[in-house]
């Protein structure tokens, strides 16, 4: 939201500067034509023309600087967005790993239904992580069958089945991403 506001403000500033530039340019043209109409050279007009030319040069430099700064900011924003996307992906994988470990803790506490629900809630995150990390896609999305079998066993009250194969795959994927 802030970047859009900043972009709009930058755009408005550029437009304002361009309008100022055009106004200065038209004033300079008017002054030049007035000077040409006068037969006798006026030393004061020379100073005015020189001042106007200096102002236009300064304004042109400011516009160039503003355009360059805006280009740098756009590049910086793209890098920041790419970093945020990468952080969101790794965050989803970490959340899935946490949910699997929480389910394992609940299983040890002999809360089969709660453990099954917690483990089941990790499926979507694991599936998306497989899509986010193509090098781990087969391993991560291949966990769906193990998760379904474990959820079924826990729901039926067979709490001896653990989640070690599931969290081992998640841990391997996390370790490779954290490098």
N, C-alpha and C. Protein backbone atom coordinates (compact mmCIF):
# COMPACT_ATOMS: atom_id res chain seq x y z
N UNK A 1 0.84 -1.18 0.00
CA UNK A 1 0.00 0.00 0.00
C UNK A 1 0.88 1.25 0.00
N UNK A 2 1.96 1.22 0.88
CA UNK A 2 2.85 2.36 0.98
C UNK A 2 3.58 2.59 -0.34
N UNK A 3 3.95 1.50 -1.00
CA UNK A 3 4.70 1.66 -2.25
C UNK A 3 3.81 2.29 -3.31
N UNK A 4 2.53 1.96 -3.34
CA UNK A 4 1.63 2.55 -4.33
C UNK A 4 1.45 4.04 -4.03
N UNK A 5 1.31 4.39 -2.76
CA UNK A 5 1.17 5.80 -2.38
C UNK A 5 2.43 6.55 -2.78
N UNK A 6 3.58 5.94 -2.51
CA UNK A 6 4.84 6.57 -2.85
C UNK A 6 4.98 6.72 -4.36
N UNK A 7 4.56 5.72 -5.11
CA UNK A 7 4.64 5.81 -6.57
C UNK A 7 3.73 6.92 -7.09
N UNK A 8 2.52 7.03 -6.54
CA UNK A 8 1.60 8.08 -6.97
C UNK A 8 2.18 9.45 -6.62
N UNK A 9 2.74 9.59 -5.42
CA UNK A 9 3.32 10.85 -5.00
C UNK A 9 4.51 11.21 -5.90
N UNK A 10 5.30 10.22 -6.23
CA UNK A 10 6.44 10.45 -7.12
C UNK A 10 5.97 10.88 -8.49
N UNK A 11 4.93 10.22 -8.98
CA UNK A 11 4.37 10.57 -10.29
C UNK A 11 3.86 12.01 -10.29
N UNK A 12 3.13 12.37 -9.23
CA UNK A 12 2.59 13.74 -9.13
C UNK A 12 3.74 14.74 -9.09
N UNK A 13 4.80 14.43 -8.37
CA UNK A 13 5.95 15.32 -8.29
C UNK A 13 6.61 15.47 -9.65
N UNK A 14 6.77 14.38 -10.38
CA UNK A 14 7.37 14.44 -11.72
C UNK A 14 6.51 15.29 -12.64
N UNK A 15 5.19 15.10 -12.59
CA UNK A 15 4.29 15.89 -13.43
C UNK A 15 4.39 17.37 -13.07
N UNK A 16 4.43 17.67 -11.77
CA UNK A 16 4.55 19.06 -11.33
C UNK A 16 5.86 19.66 -11.82
N UNK A 17 6.95 18.90 -11.71
CA UNK A 17 8.25 19.40 -12.17
C UNK A 17 8.24 19.62 -13.68
N UNK A 18 7.61 18.73 -14.41
CA UNK A 18 7.52 18.91 -15.86
C UNK A 18 6.70 20.15 -16.21
N UNK A 19 5.62 20.38 -15.46
CA UNK A 19 4.82 21.57 -15.69
C UNK A 19 5.65 22.83 -15.40
N UNK A 20 6.43 22.78 -14.31
CA UNK A 20 7.31 23.90 -13.98
C UNK A 20 8.34 24.11 -15.09
N UNK A 21 8.86 23.02 -15.58
CA UNK A 21 9.85 23.08 -16.67
C UNK A 21 9.22 23.73 -17.90
N UNK A 22 8.02 23.28 -18.26
CA UNK A 22 7.33 23.85 -19.41
C UNK A 22 7.03 25.34 -19.20
N UNK A 23 6.61 25.69 -17.99
CA UNK A 23 6.31 27.09 -17.69
C UNK A 23 7.58 27.93 -17.79
N UNK A 24 8.67 27.42 -17.24
CA UNK A 24 9.95 28.14 -17.33
C UNK A 24 10.38 28.28 -18.79
N UNK A 25 10.17 27.22 -19.54
CA UNK A 25 10.55 27.22 -20.96
C UNK A 25 9.74 28.27 -21.72
N UNK A 26 8.43 28.34 -21.46
CA UNK A 26 7.60 29.33 -22.16
C UNK A 26 7.97 30.75 -21.72
N UNK A 27 8.30 30.91 -20.46
CA UNK A 27 8.73 32.23 -19.99
C UNK A 27 10.03 32.63 -20.67
N UNK A 28 10.90 31.67 -20.82
CA UNK A 28 12.17 31.95 -21.48
C UNK A 28 11.95 32.33 -22.94
N UNK A 29 11.04 31.62 -23.60
CA UNK A 29 10.72 31.96 -25.00
C UNK A 29 10.15 33.38 -25.10
N UNK A 30 9.26 33.72 -24.20
CA UNK A 30 8.66 35.06 -24.20
C UNK A 30 9.73 36.12 -23.97
N UNK A 31 10.60 35.87 -23.05
CA UNK A 31 11.67 36.82 -22.76
C UNK A 31 12.60 36.97 -23.95
N UNK A 32 12.87 35.88 -24.62
CA UNK A 32 13.74 35.93 -25.79
C UNK A 32 13.11 36.76 -26.91
N UNK A 33 11.83 36.53 -27.15
CA UNK A 33 11.16 37.31 -28.20
C UNK A 33 11.10 38.80 -27.85
N UNK A 34 10.90 39.14 -26.58
CA UNK A 34 10.90 40.54 -26.17
C UNK A 34 12.27 41.17 -26.41
N UNK A 35 13.29 40.43 -26.13
CA UNK A 35 14.64 40.95 -26.33
C UNK A 35 14.93 41.17 -27.82
N UNK A 36 14.42 40.30 -28.65
CA UNK A 36 14.64 40.44 -30.08
C UNK A 36 13.90 41.66 -30.63
N UNK A 37 12.78 42.02 -30.01
CA UNK A 37 12.00 43.17 -30.48
C UNK A 37 12.67 44.50 -30.14
N UNK A 38 13.45 44.48 -29.11
CA UNK A 38 14.11 45.73 -28.72
C UNK A 38 15.35 45.94 -29.59
N UNK A 39 15.48 47.14 -30.08
CA UNK A 39 16.60 47.45 -30.97
C UNK A 39 17.90 47.63 -30.21
N UNK A 40 17.79 48.21 -29.08
CA UNK A 40 19.00 48.47 -28.29
C UNK A 40 19.17 47.36 -27.27
N UNK A 41 20.37 46.88 -27.16
CA UNK A 41 20.62 45.84 -26.15
C UNK A 41 20.46 46.40 -24.74
N UNK A 42 19.81 45.64 -23.92
CA UNK A 42 19.58 46.04 -22.53
C UNK A 42 20.40 45.11 -21.63
N UNK A 43 21.34 45.64 -20.85
CA UNK A 43 22.17 44.78 -19.99
C UNK A 43 21.33 44.03 -18.95
N UNK A 44 20.25 44.62 -18.51
CA UNK A 44 19.39 43.95 -17.54
C UNK A 44 18.71 42.72 -18.16
N UNK A 45 18.34 42.79 -19.43
CA UNK A 45 17.71 41.67 -20.11
C UNK A 45 18.69 40.51 -20.24
N UNK A 46 19.95 40.81 -20.47
CA UNK A 46 20.98 39.76 -20.54
C UNK A 46 21.06 38.99 -19.23
N UNK A 47 21.03 39.72 -18.13
CA UNK A 47 21.09 39.09 -16.81
C UNK A 47 19.86 38.22 -16.60
N UNK A 48 18.69 38.71 -16.98
CA UNK A 48 17.45 37.97 -16.84
C UNK A 48 17.49 36.70 -17.67
N UNK A 49 17.97 36.80 -18.87
CA UNK A 49 18.05 35.63 -19.75
C UNK A 49 19.03 34.62 -19.17
N UNK A 50 20.13 35.10 -18.66
CA UNK A 50 21.14 34.22 -18.06
C UNK A 50 20.55 33.50 -16.84
N UNK A 51 19.82 34.23 -16.00
CA UNK A 51 19.19 33.64 -14.82
C UNK A 51 18.17 32.58 -15.21
N UNK A 52 17.38 32.88 -16.25
CA UNK A 52 16.38 31.92 -16.70
C UNK A 52 17.04 30.65 -17.23
N UNK A 53 18.10 30.80 -17.96
CA UNK A 53 18.81 29.63 -18.49
C UNK A 53 19.39 28.79 -17.35
N UNK A 54 19.92 29.45 -16.33
CA UNK A 54 20.46 28.74 -15.18
C UNK A 54 19.35 27.99 -14.43
N UNK A 55 18.19 28.64 -14.28
CA UNK A 55 17.06 27.99 -13.60
C UNK A 55 16.60 26.78 -14.37
N UNK A 56 16.54 26.90 -15.70
CA UNK A 56 16.12 25.76 -16.53
C UNK A 56 17.12 24.61 -16.43
N UNK A 57 18.37 24.92 -16.42
CA UNK A 57 19.40 23.88 -16.29
C UNK A 57 19.27 23.19 -14.94
N UNK A 58 19.07 23.94 -13.89
CA UNK A 58 18.91 23.38 -12.55
C UNK A 58 17.66 22.50 -12.49
N UNK A 59 16.56 22.99 -13.04
CA UNK A 59 15.31 22.24 -13.04
C UNK A 59 15.45 20.95 -13.84
N UNK A 60 16.12 21.02 -14.97
CA UNK A 60 16.35 19.83 -15.79
C UNK A 60 17.16 18.80 -15.02
N UNK A 61 18.15 19.25 -14.28
CA UNK A 61 18.96 18.35 -13.45
C UNK A 61 18.12 17.70 -12.35
N UNK A 62 17.22 18.45 -11.76
CA UNK A 62 16.35 17.91 -10.71
C UNK A 62 15.41 16.85 -11.27
N UNK A 63 14.87 17.10 -12.46
CA UNK A 63 13.97 16.13 -13.09
C UNK A 63 14.74 14.84 -13.39
N UNK A 64 15.94 14.97 -13.94
CA UNK A 64 16.76 13.79 -14.23
C UNK A 64 17.06 13.01 -12.95
N UNK A 65 17.40 13.73 -11.90
CA UNK A 65 17.69 13.09 -10.62
C UNK A 65 16.47 12.36 -10.08
N UNK A 66 15.30 12.98 -10.18
CA UNK A 66 14.07 12.37 -9.70
C UNK A 66 13.74 11.10 -10.49
N UNK A 67 13.91 11.15 -11.80
CA UNK A 67 13.65 9.97 -12.63
C UNK A 67 14.61 8.84 -12.26
N UNK A 68 15.88 9.17 -12.05
CA UNK A 68 16.86 8.14 -11.66
C UNK A 68 16.52 7.54 -10.30
N UNK A 69 16.12 8.38 -9.36
CA UNK A 69 15.75 7.87 -8.03
C UNK A 69 14.53 6.97 -8.10
N UNK A 70 13.57 7.32 -8.94
CA UNK A 70 12.38 6.50 -9.08
C UNK A 70 12.73 5.14 -9.69
N UNK A 71 13.63 5.12 -10.64
CA UNK A 71 14.06 3.85 -11.25
C UNK A 71 14.78 2.98 -10.21
N UNK A 72 15.62 3.59 -9.39
CA UNK A 72 16.31 2.83 -8.34
C UNK A 72 15.31 2.28 -7.33
N UNK A 73 14.31 3.08 -6.98
CA UNK A 73 13.31 2.63 -6.02
C UNK A 73 12.50 1.47 -6.58
N UNK A 74 12.14 1.53 -7.85
CA UNK A 74 11.37 0.44 -8.46
C UNK A 74 12.18 -0.85 -8.42
N UNK A 75 13.46 -0.76 -8.70
CA UNK A 75 14.33 -1.94 -8.64
C UNK A 75 14.41 -2.46 -7.21
N UNK A 76 14.54 -1.57 -6.27
CA UNK A 76 14.62 -1.94 -4.86
C UNK A 76 13.33 -2.60 -4.39
N UNK A 77 12.18 -2.08 -4.83
CA UNK A 77 10.89 -2.65 -4.45
C UNK A 77 10.73 -4.06 -5.00
N UNK A 78 11.21 -4.29 -6.23
CA UNK A 78 11.12 -5.62 -6.82
C UNK A 78 11.97 -6.61 -6.02
N UNK A 79 13.15 -6.19 -5.60
CA UNK A 79 14.00 -7.06 -4.80
C UNK A 79 13.33 -7.37 -3.46
N UNK A 80 12.72 -6.36 -2.87
CA UNK A 80 12.04 -6.55 -1.59
C UNK A 80 10.85 -7.50 -1.74
N UNK A 81 10.10 -7.36 -2.82
CA UNK A 81 8.96 -8.26 -3.06
C UNK A 81 9.43 -9.69 -3.27
N UNK A 82 10.53 -9.87 -4.01
CA UNK A 82 11.07 -11.21 -4.24
C UNK A 82 11.52 -11.82 -2.92
N UNK A 83 12.15 -11.02 -2.07
CA UNK A 83 12.58 -11.50 -0.76
C UNK A 83 11.37 -11.90 0.09
N UNK A 84 10.30 -11.10 0.04
CA UNK A 84 9.09 -11.39 0.82
C UNK A 84 8.45 -12.69 0.35
N UNK A 85 8.41 -12.91 -0.96
CA UNK A 85 7.83 -14.15 -1.50
C UNK A 85 8.64 -15.35 -1.02
N UNK A 86 9.97 -15.23 -1.06
CA UNK A 86 10.83 -16.33 -0.60
C UNK A 86 10.61 -16.60 0.88
N UNK A 87 10.45 -15.54 1.67
CA UNK A 87 10.21 -15.71 3.11
C UNK A 87 8.85 -16.35 3.38
N UNK A 88 7.85 -16.00 2.58
CA UNK A 88 6.53 -16.61 2.73
C UNK A 88 6.58 -18.11 2.42
N UNK A 89 7.34 -18.48 1.39
CA UNK A 89 7.46 -19.89 1.03
C UNK A 89 8.13 -20.69 2.12
N UNK A 90 9.24 -20.19 2.62
CA UNK A 90 9.96 -20.92 3.67
C UNK A 90 9.13 -20.92 4.96
N UNK A 91 8.37 -19.85 5.18
CA UNK A 91 7.50 -19.78 6.36
C UNK A 91 6.41 -20.85 6.31
N UNK A 92 5.85 -21.10 5.14
CA UNK A 92 4.83 -22.14 4.99
C UNK A 92 5.42 -23.51 5.27
N UNK A 93 6.64 -23.74 4.79
CA UNK A 93 7.30 -25.03 5.04
C UNK A 93 7.60 -25.21 6.53
N UNK A 94 8.04 -24.15 7.18
CA UNK A 94 8.31 -24.21 8.63
C UNK A 94 7.02 -24.44 9.43
N UNK A 95 5.93 -23.80 9.00
CA UNK A 95 4.64 -23.96 9.67
C UNK A 95 4.17 -25.42 9.55
N UNK A 96 4.34 -26.01 8.36
CA UNK A 96 3.96 -27.41 8.17
C UNK A 96 4.77 -28.32 9.09
N UNK A 97 6.06 -28.06 9.17
CA UNK A 97 6.94 -28.85 10.05
C UNK A 97 6.50 -28.72 11.51
N UNK A 98 6.17 -27.50 11.91
CA UNK A 98 5.70 -27.26 13.28
C UNK A 98 4.40 -28.01 13.56
N UNK A 99 3.48 -27.99 12.61
CA UNK A 99 2.20 -28.69 12.80
C UNK A 99 2.42 -30.20 12.95
N UNK A 100 3.33 -30.76 12.16
CA UNK A 100 3.60 -32.20 12.26
C UNK A 100 4.19 -32.52 13.64
N UNK A 101 5.10 -31.68 14.11
CA UNK A 101 5.67 -31.91 15.44
C UNK A 101 4.62 -31.73 16.54
N UNK A 102 3.72 -30.76 16.38
CA UNK A 102 2.64 -30.58 17.36
C UNK A 102 1.73 -31.81 17.37
N UNK A 103 1.46 -32.36 16.20
CA UNK A 103 0.63 -33.57 16.12
C UNK A 103 1.32 -34.72 16.85
N UNK A 104 2.62 -34.82 16.69
CA UNK A 104 3.39 -35.88 17.36
C UNK A 104 3.32 -35.71 18.88
N UNK A 105 3.40 -34.49 19.34
CA UNK A 105 3.29 -34.22 20.78
C UNK A 105 1.91 -34.63 21.29
N UNK A 106 0.88 -34.29 20.54
CA UNK A 106 -0.48 -34.67 20.93
C UNK A 106 -0.64 -36.19 20.94
N UNK A 107 0.01 -36.86 19.99
CA UNK A 107 -0.06 -38.33 19.95
C UNK A 107 0.57 -38.91 21.22
N UNK A 108 1.70 -38.35 21.63
CA UNK A 108 2.35 -38.82 22.86
C UNK A 108 1.47 -38.55 24.08
N UNK A 109 0.68 -37.52 24.02
CA UNK A 109 -0.24 -37.20 25.12
C UNK A 109 -1.52 -38.01 25.01
N UNK A 110 -1.58 -38.93 24.06
CA UNK A 110 -2.70 -39.83 23.82
C UNK A 110 -3.98 -39.08 23.45
N UNK A 111 -3.82 -38.02 22.70
CA UNK A 111 -4.94 -37.25 22.17
C UNK A 111 -5.01 -37.55 20.67
N UNK A 112 -5.52 -38.70 20.32
CA UNK A 112 -5.54 -39.16 18.94
C UNK A 112 -6.34 -38.28 18.01
N UNK A 113 -7.52 -37.87 18.44
CA UNK A 113 -8.36 -37.01 17.59
C UNK A 113 -7.70 -35.66 17.33
N UNK A 114 -7.19 -35.04 18.37
CA UNK A 114 -6.52 -33.73 18.22
C UNK A 114 -5.27 -33.85 17.36
N UNK A 115 -4.51 -34.92 17.60
CA UNK A 115 -3.29 -35.15 16.82
C UNK A 115 -3.63 -35.35 15.35
N UNK A 116 -4.70 -36.10 15.08
CA UNK A 116 -5.12 -36.37 13.71
C UNK A 116 -5.54 -35.06 13.02
N UNK A 117 -6.28 -34.21 13.71
CA UNK A 117 -6.71 -32.94 13.13
C UNK A 117 -5.52 -32.02 12.86
N UNK A 118 -4.58 -31.97 13.80
CA UNK A 118 -3.41 -31.13 13.62
C UNK A 118 -2.58 -31.61 12.43
N UNK A 119 -2.38 -32.92 12.34
CA UNK A 119 -1.61 -33.48 11.23
C UNK A 119 -2.33 -33.23 9.90
N UNK A 120 -3.63 -33.40 9.93
CA UNK A 120 -4.43 -33.19 8.71
C UNK A 120 -4.35 -31.73 8.24
N UNK A 121 -4.26 -30.80 9.18
CA UNK A 121 -4.19 -29.38 8.82
C UNK A 121 -2.86 -29.01 8.16
N UNK A 122 -1.87 -29.87 8.26
CA UNK A 122 -0.57 -29.59 7.64
C UNK A 122 -0.54 -29.97 6.16
N UNK A 123 -1.52 -30.73 5.70
CA UNK A 123 -1.49 -31.24 4.33
C UNK A 123 -1.42 -30.14 3.27
N UNK A 124 -2.26 -29.14 3.39
CA UNK A 124 -2.30 -28.08 2.38
C UNK A 124 -0.97 -27.34 2.30
N UNK A 125 -0.39 -27.05 3.47
CA UNK A 125 0.90 -26.36 3.49
C UNK A 125 2.00 -27.21 2.85
N UNK A 126 1.97 -28.51 3.14
CA UNK A 126 2.98 -29.40 2.56
C UNK A 126 2.80 -29.49 1.05
N UNK A 127 1.57 -29.58 0.59
CA UNK A 127 1.31 -29.65 -0.85
C UNK A 127 1.81 -28.38 -1.56
N UNK A 128 1.47 -27.23 -0.99
CA UNK A 128 1.91 -25.97 -1.58
C UNK A 128 3.43 -25.84 -1.55
N UNK A 129 4.05 -26.32 -0.49
CA UNK A 129 5.51 -26.28 -0.41
C UNK A 129 6.14 -27.13 -1.50
N UNK A 130 5.49 -28.23 -1.83
CA UNK A 130 5.96 -29.05 -2.94
C UNK A 130 5.90 -28.28 -4.25
N UNK A 131 4.86 -27.48 -4.42
CA UNK A 131 4.75 -26.65 -5.62
C UNK A 131 5.76 -25.52 -5.61
N UNK A 132 6.04 -24.98 -4.42
CA UNK A 132 6.99 -23.87 -4.29
C UNK A 132 8.44 -24.30 -4.50
N UNK A 133 8.75 -25.54 -4.16
CA UNK A 133 10.12 -26.04 -4.27
C UNK A 133 10.13 -27.26 -5.19
N UNK A 134 10.27 -27.05 -6.48
CA UNK A 134 10.19 -28.15 -7.44
C UNK A 134 11.20 -29.27 -7.17
N UNK A 135 12.35 -28.93 -6.59
CA UNK A 135 13.34 -29.96 -6.30
C UNK A 135 12.89 -30.91 -5.19
N UNK A 136 11.89 -30.51 -4.40
CA UNK A 136 11.35 -31.34 -3.32
C UNK A 136 9.91 -31.77 -3.58
N UNK A 137 9.39 -31.43 -4.75
CA UNK A 137 7.97 -31.65 -5.03
C UNK A 137 7.57 -33.11 -4.84
N UNK A 138 8.31 -34.02 -5.43
CA UNK A 138 7.95 -35.43 -5.37
C UNK A 138 7.94 -35.92 -3.92
N UNK A 139 8.96 -35.56 -3.17
CA UNK A 139 9.06 -36.01 -1.77
C UNK A 139 7.95 -35.40 -0.91
N UNK A 140 7.75 -34.09 -1.05
CA UNK A 140 6.76 -33.41 -0.21
C UNK A 140 5.33 -33.82 -0.55
N UNK A 141 5.01 -33.82 -1.83
CA UNK A 141 3.64 -34.17 -2.20
C UNK A 141 3.40 -35.68 -2.06
N UNK A 142 4.50 -36.43 -2.02
CA UNK A 142 4.38 -37.87 -1.78
C UNK A 142 4.02 -38.20 -0.34
N UNK A 143 4.08 -37.22 0.53
CA UNK A 143 3.74 -37.44 1.95
C UNK A 143 2.23 -37.53 2.18
N UNK A 144 1.44 -37.16 1.21
CA UNK A 144 -0.02 -37.14 1.40
C UNK A 144 -0.56 -38.52 1.80
N UNK A 145 -0.03 -39.56 1.20
CA UNK A 145 -0.49 -40.91 1.53
C UNK A 145 -0.10 -41.27 2.96
N UNK A 146 1.14 -40.96 3.34
CA UNK A 146 1.58 -41.22 4.73
C UNK A 146 0.74 -40.44 5.73
N UNK A 147 0.42 -39.20 5.40
CA UNK A 147 -0.39 -38.38 6.31
C UNK A 147 -1.79 -38.98 6.44
N UNK A 148 -2.39 -39.35 5.32
CA UNK A 148 -3.73 -39.94 5.36
C UNK A 148 -3.75 -41.24 6.16
N UNK A 149 -2.73 -42.08 5.97
CA UNK A 149 -2.67 -43.35 6.72
C UNK A 149 -2.48 -43.09 8.22
N UNK A 150 -1.64 -42.13 8.55
CA UNK A 150 -1.39 -41.82 9.97
C UNK A 150 -2.64 -41.21 10.60
N UNK A 151 -3.29 -40.30 9.90
CA UNK A 151 -4.53 -39.69 10.41
C UNK A 151 -5.57 -40.78 10.63
N UNK A 152 -5.70 -41.71 9.69
CA UNK A 152 -6.66 -42.81 9.83
C UNK A 152 -6.36 -43.68 11.03
N UNK A 153 -5.08 -44.00 11.22
CA UNK A 153 -4.69 -44.84 12.36
C UNK A 153 -4.98 -44.12 13.68
N UNK A 154 -4.62 -42.85 13.76
CA UNK A 154 -4.83 -42.10 15.00
C UNK A 154 -6.31 -41.91 15.29
N UNK A 155 -7.09 -41.67 14.27
CA UNK A 155 -8.53 -41.51 14.45
C UNK A 155 -9.15 -42.80 14.96
N UNK A 156 -8.60 -43.94 14.51
CA UNK A 156 -9.10 -45.25 14.94
C UNK A 156 -8.56 -45.65 16.31
N UNK A 157 -7.68 -44.82 16.88
CA UNK A 157 -7.17 -45.11 18.21
C UNK A 157 -5.83 -45.84 18.21
N UNK A 158 -5.26 -46.10 17.04
CA UNK A 158 -3.95 -46.77 16.96
C UNK A 158 -2.86 -45.69 16.98
N UNK A 159 -2.39 -45.38 18.17
CA UNK A 159 -1.47 -44.27 18.35
C UNK A 159 0.00 -44.69 18.28
N UNK A 160 0.28 -45.95 17.94
CA UNK A 160 1.68 -46.39 17.87
C UNK A 160 2.36 -45.86 16.61
N UNK A 161 1.61 -45.55 15.58
CA UNK A 161 2.19 -45.03 14.33
C UNK A 161 2.66 -43.60 14.58
N UNK A 162 3.95 -43.34 14.26
CA UNK A 162 4.49 -42.01 14.49
C UNK A 162 4.64 -41.23 13.17
N UNK A 163 5.08 -39.99 13.29
CA UNK A 163 5.20 -39.11 12.12
C UNK A 163 6.65 -38.93 11.68
N UNK A 164 7.54 -39.81 12.16
CA UNK A 164 8.96 -39.64 11.83
C UNK A 164 9.21 -39.59 10.32
N UNK A 165 8.60 -40.45 9.49
CA UNK A 165 8.88 -40.35 8.05
C UNK A 165 8.41 -39.00 7.47
N UNK A 166 7.36 -38.43 8.05
CA UNK A 166 6.83 -37.16 7.55
C UNK A 166 7.74 -36.01 7.94
N UNK A 167 8.06 -35.91 9.23
CA UNK A 167 8.87 -34.77 9.62
C UNK A 167 10.32 -34.91 9.19
N UNK A 168 10.77 -36.12 8.88
CA UNK A 168 12.13 -36.29 8.34
C UNK A 168 12.23 -35.66 6.94
N UNK A 169 11.23 -35.90 6.11
CA UNK A 169 11.23 -35.31 4.77
C UNK A 169 11.13 -33.79 4.87
N UNK A 170 10.28 -33.30 5.75
CA UNK A 170 10.15 -31.85 5.92
C UNK A 170 11.46 -31.23 6.42
N UNK A 171 12.11 -31.92 7.35
CA UNK A 171 13.37 -31.42 7.90
C UNK A 171 14.44 -31.36 6.81
N UNK A 172 14.50 -32.37 5.95
CA UNK A 172 15.47 -32.36 4.85
C UNK A 172 15.21 -31.19 3.91
N UNK A 173 13.97 -30.95 3.58
CA UNK A 173 13.62 -29.85 2.68
C UNK A 173 13.97 -28.51 3.34
N UNK A 174 13.70 -28.38 4.64
CA UNK A 174 14.04 -27.15 5.35
C UNK A 174 15.54 -26.93 5.41
N UNK A 175 16.30 -27.98 5.68
CA UNK A 175 17.74 -27.86 5.76
C UNK A 175 18.34 -27.38 4.43
N UNK A 176 17.81 -27.88 3.33
CA UNK A 176 18.32 -27.45 2.02
C UNK A 176 17.94 -26.00 1.72
N UNK A 177 16.82 -25.54 2.23
CA UNK A 177 16.39 -24.16 1.97
C UNK A 177 17.12 -23.18 2.88
N UNK A 178 17.49 -23.63 4.07
CA UNK A 178 18.15 -22.74 5.02
C UNK A 178 19.62 -22.50 4.68
N UNK A 179 20.16 -23.26 3.74
CA UNK A 179 21.58 -23.11 3.39
C UNK A 179 21.84 -21.87 2.61
